[in-house]
Amino acid sequence: VATSTAGVNTAMLLSNLGSGYTFWAEDSANDTSPFVIQADGNVGIGTAAPATKLQVVGGVARIEAGGATTYAGRSAVLTFNRSDLPTSWLNKISSSVSGTAPDTTMNFELATGASSNTTVMTLTMDGSAAPRVGIGTTTPGGLLSVSGGNTASAFLLNQDSTGDLMTLQDSGTTRFQVLDGGNVIENTGNVGIG
């Protein structure tokens, strides 16, 4: 299907004046998992009854930025926003791969209303290094790096039940505990109260 001349002409138009499907494409199995566009505009992949603007059922949904023959320069972005707000209010999940080895980074960004977002959490793995998580930093130096930039606590634990607040282990051996009630036990057997 093509237009006779290049430009803004519509190559194909499906106009649904009723309540049935605007488009239905079956797979080779001719089963109940087609690709459909409903009269209300909802798109379904693997379902004939999409309840949202896009509903994917079964299998894996994949976002990939390809084209390169190496890892360099590949990235993909998933954005979230209300249709009545400007792009400065886009929340983002961005994934990138750089270099010639699988050096990967995934950033979770929150909108600030300004021209750029604030990255609140970063997941990264450089080559054969262990994966790292950064909260408040895009360059985590340890397995978990937390950096606070305001007057709030950089790290806060709150136990609402009767379990212990925190247990630190080294190769499965408990080295430090903060018990329910605030008592502290070190691996040496010393006990701190208050």
N, C-alpha and C. Protein backbone atom coordinates (compact mmCIF):
# COMPACT_ATOMS: atom_id res chain seq x y z
N VAL A 1 0.86 -1.18 0.00
CA VAL A 1 0.00 0.00 0.00
C VAL A 1 0.89 1.23 0.00
N ALA A 2 0.63 2.18 -0.91
CA ALA A 2 1.46 3.37 -0.98
C ALA A 2 0.65 4.51 -1.56
N THR A 3 1.09 5.73 -1.27
CA THR A 3 0.47 6.90 -1.88
C THR A 3 1.13 7.17 -3.23
N SER A 4 0.45 7.89 -4.07
CA SER A 4 0.98 8.15 -5.41
C SER A 4 2.10 9.17 -5.40
N THR A 5 2.11 10.03 -4.38
CA THR A 5 3.15 11.04 -4.26
C THR A 5 3.66 11.09 -2.82
N ALA A 6 4.91 11.48 -2.69
CA ALA A 6 5.48 11.61 -1.36
C ALA A 6 4.88 12.81 -0.65
N GLY A 7 4.81 12.74 0.66
CA GLY A 7 4.29 13.87 1.43
C GLY A 7 3.52 13.39 2.64
N VAL A 8 2.49 14.12 2.98
CA VAL A 8 1.74 13.83 4.20
C VAL A 8 0.48 13.04 3.92
N ASN A 9 0.31 12.51 2.70
CA ASN A 9 -0.87 11.74 2.37
C ASN A 9 -0.94 10.48 3.21
N THR A 10 -2.14 10.06 3.58
CA THR A 10 -2.35 8.85 4.35
C THR A 10 -2.25 7.63 3.44
N ALA A 11 -1.33 6.71 3.76
CA ALA A 11 -1.15 5.53 2.92
C ALA A 11 -2.27 4.53 3.14
N MET A 12 -2.72 4.38 4.38
CA MET A 12 -3.81 3.45 4.65
C MET A 12 -4.63 3.97 5.82
N LEU A 13 -5.94 3.95 5.69
CA LEU A 13 -6.83 4.44 6.74
C LEU A 13 -7.89 3.39 7.01
N LEU A 14 -7.99 2.98 8.29
CA LEU A 14 -9.04 2.08 8.73
C LEU A 14 -9.99 2.88 9.60
N SER A 15 -11.21 3.06 9.15
CA SER A 15 -12.20 3.85 9.90
C SER A 15 -13.27 2.92 10.45
N ASN A 16 -13.38 2.87 11.78
CA ASN A 16 -14.34 1.99 12.43
C ASN A 16 -15.52 2.82 12.90
N LEU A 17 -16.68 2.59 12.28
CA LEU A 17 -17.88 3.33 12.64
C LEU A 17 -18.80 2.52 13.55
N GLY A 18 -18.35 1.31 13.90
CA GLY A 18 -19.18 0.46 14.75
C GLY A 18 -18.50 0.16 16.06
N SER A 19 -18.79 -1.01 16.63
CA SER A 19 -18.24 -1.40 17.93
C SER A 19 -17.35 -2.63 17.84
N GLY A 20 -17.17 -3.18 16.63
CA GLY A 20 -16.31 -4.35 16.47
C GLY A 20 -14.85 -3.96 16.42
N TYR A 21 -14.00 -4.94 16.10
CA TYR A 21 -12.56 -4.70 16.03
C TYR A 21 -12.23 -3.83 14.82
N THR A 22 -11.31 -2.89 15.01
CA THR A 22 -10.80 -2.11 13.89
C THR A 22 -9.80 -2.93 13.08
N PHE A 23 -9.04 -3.80 13.78
CA PHE A 23 -8.04 -4.62 13.10
C PHE A 23 -7.85 -5.91 13.88
N TRP A 24 -7.70 -7.03 13.17
CA TRP A 24 -7.47 -8.33 13.80
C TRP A 24 -6.50 -9.11 12.94
N ALA A 25 -5.38 -9.53 13.50
CA ALA A 25 -4.39 -10.33 12.77
C ALA A 25 -4.11 -11.59 13.58
N GLU A 26 -4.39 -12.75 12.96
CA GLU A 26 -4.17 -14.02 13.64
C GLU A 26 -2.78 -14.55 13.36
N ASP A 27 -2.27 -15.35 14.32
CA ASP A 27 -0.98 -15.99 14.09
C ASP A 27 -1.19 -17.31 13.34
N SER A 28 -0.09 -18.01 13.10
CA SER A 28 -0.17 -19.23 12.30
C SER A 28 -0.98 -20.32 12.97
N ALA A 29 -1.09 -20.23 14.32
CA ALA A 29 -1.86 -21.25 15.04
C ALA A 29 -3.36 -20.98 14.99
N ASN A 30 -3.74 -19.79 14.52
CA ASN A 30 -5.15 -19.42 14.43
C ASN A 30 -5.85 -19.62 15.78
N ASP A 31 -5.17 -19.20 16.87
CA ASP A 31 -5.70 -19.42 18.20
C ASP A 31 -6.30 -18.14 18.77
N THR A 32 -6.41 -18.08 20.10
CA THR A 32 -7.06 -16.94 20.75
C THR A 32 -6.05 -15.87 21.18
N SER A 33 -4.87 -15.84 20.58
CA SER A 33 -3.86 -14.85 20.96
C SER A 33 -3.44 -14.03 19.75
N PRO A 34 -4.34 -13.23 19.18
CA PRO A 34 -4.01 -12.46 17.99
C PRO A 34 -3.41 -11.11 18.33
N PHE A 35 -3.20 -10.32 17.30
CA PHE A 35 -2.87 -8.90 17.43
C PHE A 35 -4.13 -8.14 17.02
N VAL A 36 -4.66 -7.32 17.93
CA VAL A 36 -5.94 -6.66 17.64
C VAL A 36 -5.87 -5.17 17.98
N ILE A 37 -6.68 -4.41 17.29
CA ILE A 37 -6.96 -3.02 17.64
C ILE A 37 -8.47 -2.92 17.81
N GLN A 38 -8.90 -2.59 19.02
CA GLN A 38 -10.32 -2.50 19.30
C GLN A 38 -10.90 -1.18 18.81
N ALA A 39 -12.23 -1.10 18.83
CA ALA A 39 -12.90 0.12 18.41
C ALA A 39 -12.53 1.30 19.30
N ASP A 40 -12.20 1.05 20.57
CA ASP A 40 -11.84 2.13 21.48
C ASP A 40 -10.37 2.52 21.37
N GLY A 41 -9.60 1.86 20.47
CA GLY A 41 -8.20 2.19 20.27
C GLY A 41 -7.23 1.34 21.06
N ASN A 42 -7.72 0.52 22.00
CA ASN A 42 -6.84 -0.34 22.77
C ASN A 42 -6.18 -1.38 21.86
N VAL A 43 -4.90 -1.64 22.10
CA VAL A 43 -4.13 -2.59 21.31
C VAL A 43 -3.82 -3.81 22.16
N GLY A 44 -4.08 -4.98 21.62
CA GLY A 44 -3.79 -6.21 22.32
C GLY A 44 -2.84 -7.09 21.54
N ILE A 45 -1.82 -7.59 22.20
CA ILE A 45 -0.89 -8.57 21.62
C ILE A 45 -0.97 -9.81 22.48
N GLY A 46 -1.44 -10.88 21.91
CA GLY A 46 -1.63 -12.11 22.67
C GLY A 46 -2.95 -12.15 23.41
N THR A 47 -3.82 -11.18 23.17
CA THR A 47 -5.14 -11.15 23.79
C THR A 47 -6.11 -10.49 22.83
N ALA A 48 -7.34 -10.99 22.82
CA ALA A 48 -8.38 -10.41 21.98
C ALA A 48 -9.21 -9.38 22.73
N ALA A 49 -8.89 -9.16 24.01
CA ALA A 49 -9.67 -8.23 24.82
C ALA A 49 -8.76 -7.32 25.64
N PRO A 50 -7.99 -6.45 25.01
CA PRO A 50 -7.10 -5.54 25.77
C PRO A 50 -7.91 -4.55 26.60
N ALA A 51 -7.58 -4.47 27.88
CA ALA A 51 -8.30 -3.59 28.80
C ALA A 51 -7.63 -2.23 28.95
N THR A 52 -6.42 -2.07 28.39
CA THR A 52 -5.68 -0.81 28.48
C THR A 52 -5.20 -0.42 27.09
N LYS A 53 -4.55 0.75 26.99
CA LYS A 53 -4.07 1.22 25.69
C LYS A 53 -3.16 0.22 25.01
N LEU A 54 -2.33 -0.49 25.79
CA LEU A 54 -1.51 -1.58 25.26
C LEU A 54 -1.46 -2.68 26.29
N GLN A 55 -1.86 -3.88 25.89
CA GLN A 55 -1.81 -5.03 26.79
C GLN A 55 -1.15 -6.19 26.07
N VAL A 56 -0.06 -6.70 26.67
CA VAL A 56 0.68 -7.81 26.10
C VAL A 56 0.53 -9.01 27.03
N VAL A 57 0.07 -10.13 26.48
CA VAL A 57 -0.17 -11.34 27.28
C VAL A 57 0.67 -12.48 26.72
N GLY A 58 1.43 -13.15 27.59
CA GLY A 58 2.25 -14.26 27.16
C GLY A 58 3.57 -13.81 26.57
N GLY A 59 4.58 -14.63 26.72
CA GLY A 59 5.87 -14.30 26.13
C GLY A 59 6.57 -13.16 26.84
N VAL A 60 7.40 -12.43 26.12
CA VAL A 60 8.22 -11.36 26.68
C VAL A 60 8.05 -10.10 25.85
N ALA A 61 7.83 -8.97 26.52
CA ALA A 61 7.82 -7.67 25.84
C ALA A 61 9.23 -7.12 25.90
N ARG A 62 9.74 -6.69 24.77
CA ARG A 62 11.15 -6.30 24.68
C ARG A 62 11.30 -4.93 24.03
N ILE A 63 12.14 -4.09 24.64
CA ILE A 63 12.50 -2.80 24.05
C ILE A 63 13.99 -2.85 23.74
N GLU A 64 14.34 -2.64 22.48
CA GLU A 64 15.73 -2.77 22.08
C GLU A 64 16.10 -1.67 21.10
N ALA A 65 17.25 -1.05 21.33
CA ALA A 65 17.80 -0.09 20.39
C ALA A 65 18.95 -0.78 19.68
N GLY A 66 18.75 -1.15 18.43
CA GLY A 66 19.75 -1.92 17.70
C GLY A 66 20.41 -1.10 16.62
N GLY A 67 20.96 -1.79 15.66
CA GLY A 67 21.59 -1.14 14.52
C GLY A 67 23.10 -1.24 14.55
N ALA A 68 23.70 -1.30 15.73
CA ALA A 68 25.16 -1.38 15.81
C ALA A 68 25.60 -2.83 15.84
N THR A 69 26.80 -3.09 15.33
CA THR A 69 27.33 -4.45 15.32
C THR A 69 28.13 -4.75 16.58
N THR A 70 28.41 -3.73 17.39
CA THR A 70 29.07 -3.91 18.67
C THR A 70 28.16 -3.38 19.76
N TYR A 71 28.65 -3.43 21.00
CA TYR A 71 27.85 -2.94 22.12
C TYR A 71 27.76 -1.42 22.15
N ALA A 72 28.67 -0.74 21.49
CA ALA A 72 28.78 0.71 21.64
C ALA A 72 27.52 1.43 21.18
N GLY A 73 27.10 2.37 21.99
CA GLY A 73 26.04 3.29 21.58
C GLY A 73 24.63 2.76 21.62
N ARG A 74 24.40 1.62 22.19
CA ARG A 74 23.04 1.10 22.25
C ARG A 74 22.34 1.59 23.51
N SER A 75 21.13 2.07 23.36
CA SER A 75 20.38 2.55 24.52
C SER A 75 18.89 2.44 24.23
N ALA A 76 18.11 2.38 25.29
CA ALA A 76 16.66 2.32 25.16
C ALA A 76 16.06 3.09 26.33
N VAL A 77 14.93 3.76 26.09
CA VAL A 77 14.30 4.59 27.11
C VAL A 77 12.81 4.28 27.15
N LEU A 78 12.30 4.12 28.36
CA LEU A 78 10.87 3.97 28.59
C LEU A 78 10.42 5.17 29.42
N THR A 79 9.45 5.93 28.93
CA THR A 79 9.04 7.15 29.61
C THR A 79 7.60 7.06 30.10
N PHE A 80 7.30 7.84 31.14
CA PHE A 80 5.97 7.87 31.74
C PHE A 80 5.57 9.33 31.95
N ASN A 81 4.37 9.68 31.50
CA ASN A 81 3.93 11.06 31.65
C ASN A 81 2.43 11.13 31.42
N ARG A 82 1.81 12.19 31.92
CA ARG A 82 0.42 12.49 31.59
C ARG A 82 0.37 13.27 30.29
N SER A 83 -0.65 13.02 29.48
CA SER A 83 -0.73 13.64 28.16
C SER A 83 -0.89 15.16 28.24
N ASP A 84 -1.37 15.69 29.38
CA ASP A 84 -1.59 17.14 29.49
C ASP A 84 -0.41 17.86 30.13
N LEU A 85 0.70 17.16 30.35
CA LEU A 85 1.87 17.78 30.96
C LEU A 85 3.01 17.87 29.94
N PRO A 86 3.89 18.87 30.07
CA PRO A 86 5.01 19.00 29.13
C PRO A 86 6.04 17.89 29.35
N THR A 87 6.95 17.78 28.38
CA THR A 87 7.96 16.72 28.45
C THR A 87 8.90 16.88 29.64
N SER A 88 8.93 18.07 30.24
CA SER A 88 9.79 18.27 31.42
C SER A 88 9.28 17.48 32.62
N TRP A 89 8.08 16.89 32.51
CA TRP A 89 7.54 16.07 33.59
C TRP A 89 7.58 14.59 33.26
N LEU A 90 8.47 14.20 32.35
CA LEU A 90 8.62 12.79 32.00
C LEU A 90 9.44 12.06 33.05
N ASN A 91 8.90 10.98 33.61
CA ASN A 91 9.71 10.05 34.39
C ASN A 91 10.27 9.02 33.43
N LYS A 92 11.48 8.55 33.68
CA LYS A 92 12.16 7.70 32.71
C LYS A 92 12.82 6.49 33.36
N ILE A 93 12.86 5.41 32.61
CA ILE A 93 13.75 4.28 32.88
C ILE A 93 14.61 4.15 31.63
N SER A 94 15.90 4.39 31.76
CA SER A 94 16.79 4.34 30.62
C SER A 94 17.83 3.24 30.80
N SER A 95 18.10 2.55 29.71
CA SER A 95 19.07 1.47 29.73
C SER A 95 20.09 1.72 28.64
N SER A 96 21.37 1.58 28.95
CA SER A 96 22.41 1.84 27.96
C SER A 96 23.52 0.82 28.07
N VAL A 97 24.15 0.57 26.93
CA VAL A 97 25.31 -0.30 26.85
C VAL A 97 26.39 0.46 26.11
N SER A 98 27.61 0.49 26.64
CA SER A 98 28.67 1.27 26.02
C SER A 98 29.95 0.45 25.94
N GLY A 99 30.85 0.91 25.09
CA GLY A 99 32.12 0.22 24.94
C GLY A 99 32.00 -1.02 24.06
N THR A 100 33.02 -1.86 24.06
CA THR A 100 33.03 -3.07 23.26
C THR A 100 32.76 -4.31 24.09
N ALA A 101 32.46 -4.12 25.36
CA ALA A 101 32.10 -5.22 26.25
C ALA A 101 30.75 -4.87 26.88
N PRO A 102 30.07 -5.85 27.43
CA PRO A 102 28.75 -5.56 27.99
C PRO A 102 28.80 -4.76 29.28
N ASP A 103 29.19 -3.48 29.17
CA ASP A 103 29.16 -2.56 30.31
C ASP A 103 27.78 -1.91 30.31
N THR A 104 26.95 -2.30 31.21
CA THR A 104 25.54 -1.90 31.16
C THR A 104 25.17 -1.02 32.33
N THR A 105 24.23 -0.10 32.08
CA THR A 105 23.71 0.79 33.10
C THR A 105 22.22 0.97 32.90
N MET A 106 21.46 0.94 33.98
CA MET A 106 20.04 1.24 33.95
C MET A 106 19.76 2.31 34.98
N ASN A 107 19.17 3.44 34.54
CA ASN A 107 18.87 4.56 35.42
C ASN A 107 17.37 4.72 35.58
N PHE A 108 16.95 5.02 36.79
CA PHE A 108 15.57 5.36 37.09
C PHE A 108 15.53 6.85 37.41
N GLU A 109 14.85 7.62 36.56
CA GLU A 109 14.87 9.07 36.67
C GLU A 109 13.49 9.62 36.99
N LEU A 110 13.45 10.64 37.86
CA LEU A 110 12.20 11.31 38.22
C LEU A 110 12.22 12.73 37.68
N ALA A 111 11.06 13.19 37.22
CA ALA A 111 10.94 14.53 36.66
C ALA A 111 11.02 15.58 37.76
N THR A 112 11.60 16.72 37.42
CA THR A 112 11.70 17.84 38.34
C THR A 112 10.94 19.06 37.85
N GLY A 113 10.42 18.98 36.61
CA GLY A 113 9.78 20.14 36.01
C GLY A 113 10.76 21.04 35.29
N ALA A 114 12.04 20.72 35.41
CA ALA A 114 13.08 21.48 34.73
C ALA A 114 13.45 20.78 33.43
N SER A 115 14.54 21.23 32.80
CA SER A 115 14.93 20.69 31.51
C SER A 115 15.56 19.31 31.62
N SER A 116 15.97 18.92 32.81
CA SER A 116 16.59 17.60 32.99
C SER A 116 15.99 16.90 34.20
N ASN A 117 16.07 15.58 34.20
CA ASN A 117 15.55 14.79 35.30
C ASN A 117 16.60 14.56 36.37
N THR A 118 16.16 14.01 37.49
CA THR A 118 17.07 13.61 38.57
C THR A 118 17.12 12.10 38.63
N THR A 119 18.31 11.54 38.51
CA THR A 119 18.47 10.09 38.60
C THR A 119 18.44 9.70 40.07
N VAL A 120 17.46 8.88 40.45
CA VAL A 120 17.31 8.51 41.86
C VAL A 120 17.92 7.14 42.15
N MET A 121 18.04 6.28 41.13
CA MET A 121 18.65 4.97 41.36
C MET A 121 19.33 4.50 40.08
N THR A 122 20.50 3.89 40.24
CA THR A 122 21.27 3.38 39.12
C THR A 122 21.66 1.93 39.38
N LEU A 123 21.43 1.09 38.39
CA LEU A 123 21.92 -0.29 38.41
C LEU A 123 23.01 -0.38 37.36
N THR A 124 24.17 -0.91 37.72
CA THR A 124 25.28 -0.93 36.77
C THR A 124 26.12 -2.18 36.92
N MET A 125 26.73 -2.60 35.81
CA MET A 125 27.67 -3.71 35.81
C MET A 125 28.73 -3.42 34.75
N ASP A 126 29.99 -3.37 35.17
CA ASP A 126 31.09 -3.07 34.26
C ASP A 126 31.84 -4.35 33.94
N GLY A 127 31.63 -4.87 32.74
CA GLY A 127 32.35 -6.07 32.33
C GLY A 127 32.10 -7.24 33.26
N SER A 128 33.17 -7.77 33.83
CA SER A 128 33.07 -8.94 34.71
C SER A 128 32.87 -8.56 36.17
N ALA A 129 32.78 -7.25 36.47
CA ALA A 129 32.61 -6.80 37.85
C ALA A 129 31.23 -7.18 38.36
N ALA A 130 31.11 -7.22 39.69
CA ALA A 130 29.83 -7.55 40.30
C ALA A 130 28.83 -6.42 40.06
N PRO A 131 27.55 -6.73 39.94
CA PRO A 131 26.55 -5.67 39.77
C PRO A 131 26.51 -4.76 40.99
N ARG A 132 26.22 -3.47 40.75
CA ARG A 132 26.19 -2.48 41.82
C ARG A 132 24.90 -1.68 41.74
N VAL A 133 24.46 -1.18 42.89
CA VAL A 133 23.25 -0.37 42.98
C VAL A 133 23.63 0.97 43.61
N GLY A 134 23.22 2.04 42.96
CA GLY A 134 23.46 3.36 43.50
C GLY A 134 22.15 4.08 43.76
N ILE A 135 21.97 4.60 44.96
CA ILE A 135 20.80 5.41 45.31
C ILE A 135 21.31 6.81 45.62
N GLY A 136 20.90 7.77 44.80
CA GLY A 136 21.40 9.13 44.94
C GLY A 136 22.75 9.34 44.30
N THR A 137 23.27 8.34 43.61
CA THR A 137 24.54 8.46 42.90
C THR A 137 24.48 7.60 41.65
N THR A 138 25.08 8.08 40.56
CA THR A 138 25.12 7.32 39.32
C THR A 138 26.42 6.55 39.17
N THR A 139 27.32 6.65 40.15
CA THR A 139 28.60 5.94 40.12
C THR A 139 28.81 5.19 41.43
N PRO A 140 28.02 4.15 41.68
CA PRO A 140 28.16 3.41 42.93
C PRO A 140 29.53 2.75 43.04
N GLY A 141 30.21 2.99 44.16
CA GLY A 141 31.53 2.43 44.37
C GLY A 141 31.52 1.07 45.01
N GLY A 142 30.39 0.69 45.66
CA GLY A 142 30.26 -0.61 46.29
C GLY A 142 29.05 -1.33 45.75
N LEU A 143 28.78 -2.51 46.28
CA LEU A 143 27.60 -3.25 45.85
C LEU A 143 26.34 -2.43 46.07
N LEU A 144 26.31 -1.63 47.15
CA LEU A 144 25.23 -0.68 47.40
C LEU A 144 25.84 0.62 47.89
N SER A 145 25.60 1.70 47.14
CA SER A 145 26.09 3.02 47.52
C SER A 145 24.90 3.94 47.68
N VAL A 146 24.81 4.62 48.83
CA VAL A 146 23.72 5.54 49.12
C VAL A 146 24.31 6.91 49.38
N SER A 147 23.80 7.92 48.66
CA SER A 147 24.29 9.28 48.83
C SER A 147 23.11 10.21 48.98
N GLY A 148 23.10 10.98 50.08
CA GLY A 148 22.02 11.91 50.33
C GLY A 148 22.47 13.34 50.08
N GLY A 149 21.59 14.14 49.43
CA GLY A 149 21.97 15.50 49.12
C GLY A 149 21.13 16.54 49.83
N ASN A 150 20.41 16.15 50.87
CA ASN A 150 19.62 17.12 51.61
C ASN A 150 19.67 16.79 53.10
N THR A 151 18.75 17.33 53.87
CA THR A 151 18.80 17.13 55.32
C THR A 151 18.17 15.82 55.75
N ALA A 152 17.58 15.06 54.83
CA ALA A 152 17.00 13.77 55.19
C ALA A 152 18.09 12.76 55.48
N SER A 153 17.75 11.73 56.23
CA SER A 153 18.71 10.67 56.54
C SER A 153 19.13 9.96 55.27
N ALA A 154 20.41 9.67 55.12
CA ALA A 154 20.88 8.95 53.95
C ALA A 154 20.45 7.49 54.01
N PHE A 155 20.25 6.97 55.19
CA PHE A 155 19.87 5.57 55.35
C PHE A 155 18.93 5.45 56.53
N LEU A 156 17.74 4.91 56.31
CA LEU A 156 16.74 4.79 57.37
C LEU A 156 16.11 3.42 57.34
N LEU A 157 16.13 2.72 58.46
CA LEU A 157 15.46 1.43 58.61
C LEU A 157 14.37 1.57 59.66
N ASN A 158 13.20 1.06 59.34
CA ASN A 158 12.10 1.10 60.30
C ASN A 158 11.42 -0.26 60.33
N GLN A 159 11.40 -0.89 61.48
CA GLN A 159 10.77 -2.20 61.65
C GLN A 159 9.45 -2.02 62.38
N ASP A 160 8.34 -2.28 61.69
CA ASP A 160 7.02 -2.10 62.29
C ASP A 160 6.52 -3.34 63.03
N SER A 161 7.26 -4.45 62.90
CA SER A 161 6.83 -5.68 63.54
C SER A 161 7.80 -6.04 64.66
N THR A 162 7.87 -7.32 65.03
CA THR A 162 8.70 -7.73 66.16
C THR A 162 10.02 -8.33 65.73
N GLY A 163 10.30 -8.34 64.42
CA GLY A 163 11.56 -8.90 63.95
C GLY A 163 12.73 -7.98 64.26
N ASP A 164 13.95 -8.52 64.13
CA ASP A 164 15.14 -7.72 64.36
C ASP A 164 15.24 -6.63 63.30
N LEU A 165 15.87 -5.51 63.66
CA LEU A 165 15.99 -4.39 62.74
C LEU A 165 17.02 -4.65 61.65
N MET A 166 18.16 -5.26 62.02
CA MET A 166 19.23 -5.44 61.03
C MET A 166 20.15 -6.57 61.45
N THR A 167 20.62 -7.33 60.47
CA THR A 167 21.63 -8.37 60.68
C THR A 167 22.68 -8.25 59.59
N LEU A 168 23.96 -8.15 59.99
CA LEU A 168 25.06 -8.11 59.03
C LEU A 168 25.84 -9.41 59.14
N GLN A 169 26.10 -10.03 57.96
CA GLN A 169 26.82 -11.29 57.93
C GLN A 169 28.03 -11.21 57.03
N ASP A 170 29.02 -12.04 57.32
CA ASP A 170 30.21 -12.19 56.49
C ASP A 170 30.33 -13.66 56.15
N SER A 171 30.10 -14.00 54.88
CA SER A 171 30.14 -15.39 54.42
C SER A 171 29.21 -16.27 55.24
N GLY A 172 28.05 -15.75 55.57
CA GLY A 172 27.04 -16.52 56.29
C GLY A 172 27.15 -16.46 57.80
N THR A 173 28.23 -15.86 58.32
CA THR A 173 28.42 -15.75 59.77
C THR A 173 27.96 -14.37 60.23
N THR A 174 27.06 -14.35 61.21
CA THR A 174 26.54 -13.08 61.73
C THR A 174 27.63 -12.33 62.48
N ARG A 175 27.85 -11.08 62.08
CA ARG A 175 28.88 -10.26 62.71
C ARG A 175 28.29 -9.13 63.54
N PHE A 176 27.08 -8.72 63.21
CA PHE A 176 26.51 -7.55 63.89
C PHE A 176 25.00 -7.63 63.77
N GLN A 177 24.30 -7.37 64.87
CA GLN A 177 22.84 -7.37 64.87
C GLN A 177 22.30 -6.19 65.66
N VAL A 178 21.21 -5.61 65.16
CA VAL A 178 20.42 -4.68 65.93
C VAL A 178 19.08 -5.37 66.16
N LEU A 179 18.85 -5.77 67.41
CA LEU A 179 17.69 -6.59 67.74
C LEU A 179 16.45 -5.72 67.94
N ASP A 180 15.32 -6.37 67.93
CA ASP A 180 14.07 -5.68 68.24
C ASP A 180 14.18 -5.08 69.64
N GLY A 181 13.89 -3.80 69.77
CA GLY A 181 14.03 -3.11 71.04
C GLY A 181 15.28 -2.25 71.11
N GLY A 182 16.20 -2.42 70.12
CA GLY A 182 17.37 -1.55 70.06
C GLY A 182 18.65 -2.14 70.61
N ASN A 183 18.62 -3.36 71.21
CA ASN A 183 19.85 -3.96 71.72
C ASN A 183 20.76 -4.34 70.57
N VAL A 184 22.08 -4.17 70.76
CA VAL A 184 23.07 -4.42 69.72
C VAL A 184 23.98 -5.56 70.18
N ILE A 185 24.21 -6.54 69.28
CA ILE A 185 25.11 -7.64 69.57
C ILE A 185 26.19 -7.68 68.51
N GLU A 186 27.48 -7.68 68.96
CA GLU A 186 28.60 -7.80 68.06
C GLU A 186 29.09 -9.24 68.06
N ASN A 187 29.92 -9.59 67.04
CA ASN A 187 30.39 -10.97 66.92
C ASN A 187 31.29 -11.38 68.07
N THR A 188 31.85 -10.40 68.79
CA THR A 188 32.72 -10.71 69.92
C THR A 188 31.93 -11.14 71.14
N GLY A 189 30.62 -10.95 71.09
CA GLY A 189 29.80 -11.27 72.26
C GLY A 189 29.50 -10.06 73.10
N ASN A 190 30.12 -8.92 72.78
CA ASN A 190 29.83 -7.70 73.52
C ASN A 190 28.42 -7.25 73.23
N VAL A 191 27.75 -6.72 74.20
CA VAL A 191 26.37 -6.28 74.07
C VAL A 191 26.28 -4.81 74.40
N GLY A 192 25.64 -4.04 73.51
CA GLY A 192 25.40 -2.63 73.78
C GLY A 192 23.92 -2.39 74.00
N ILE A 193 23.55 -1.69 75.03
CA ILE A 193 22.16 -1.38 75.32
C ILE A 193 21.99 0.14 75.28
N GLY A 194 21.02 0.60 74.46
CA GLY A 194 20.77 2.02 74.34
C GLY A 194 21.76 2.68 73.41
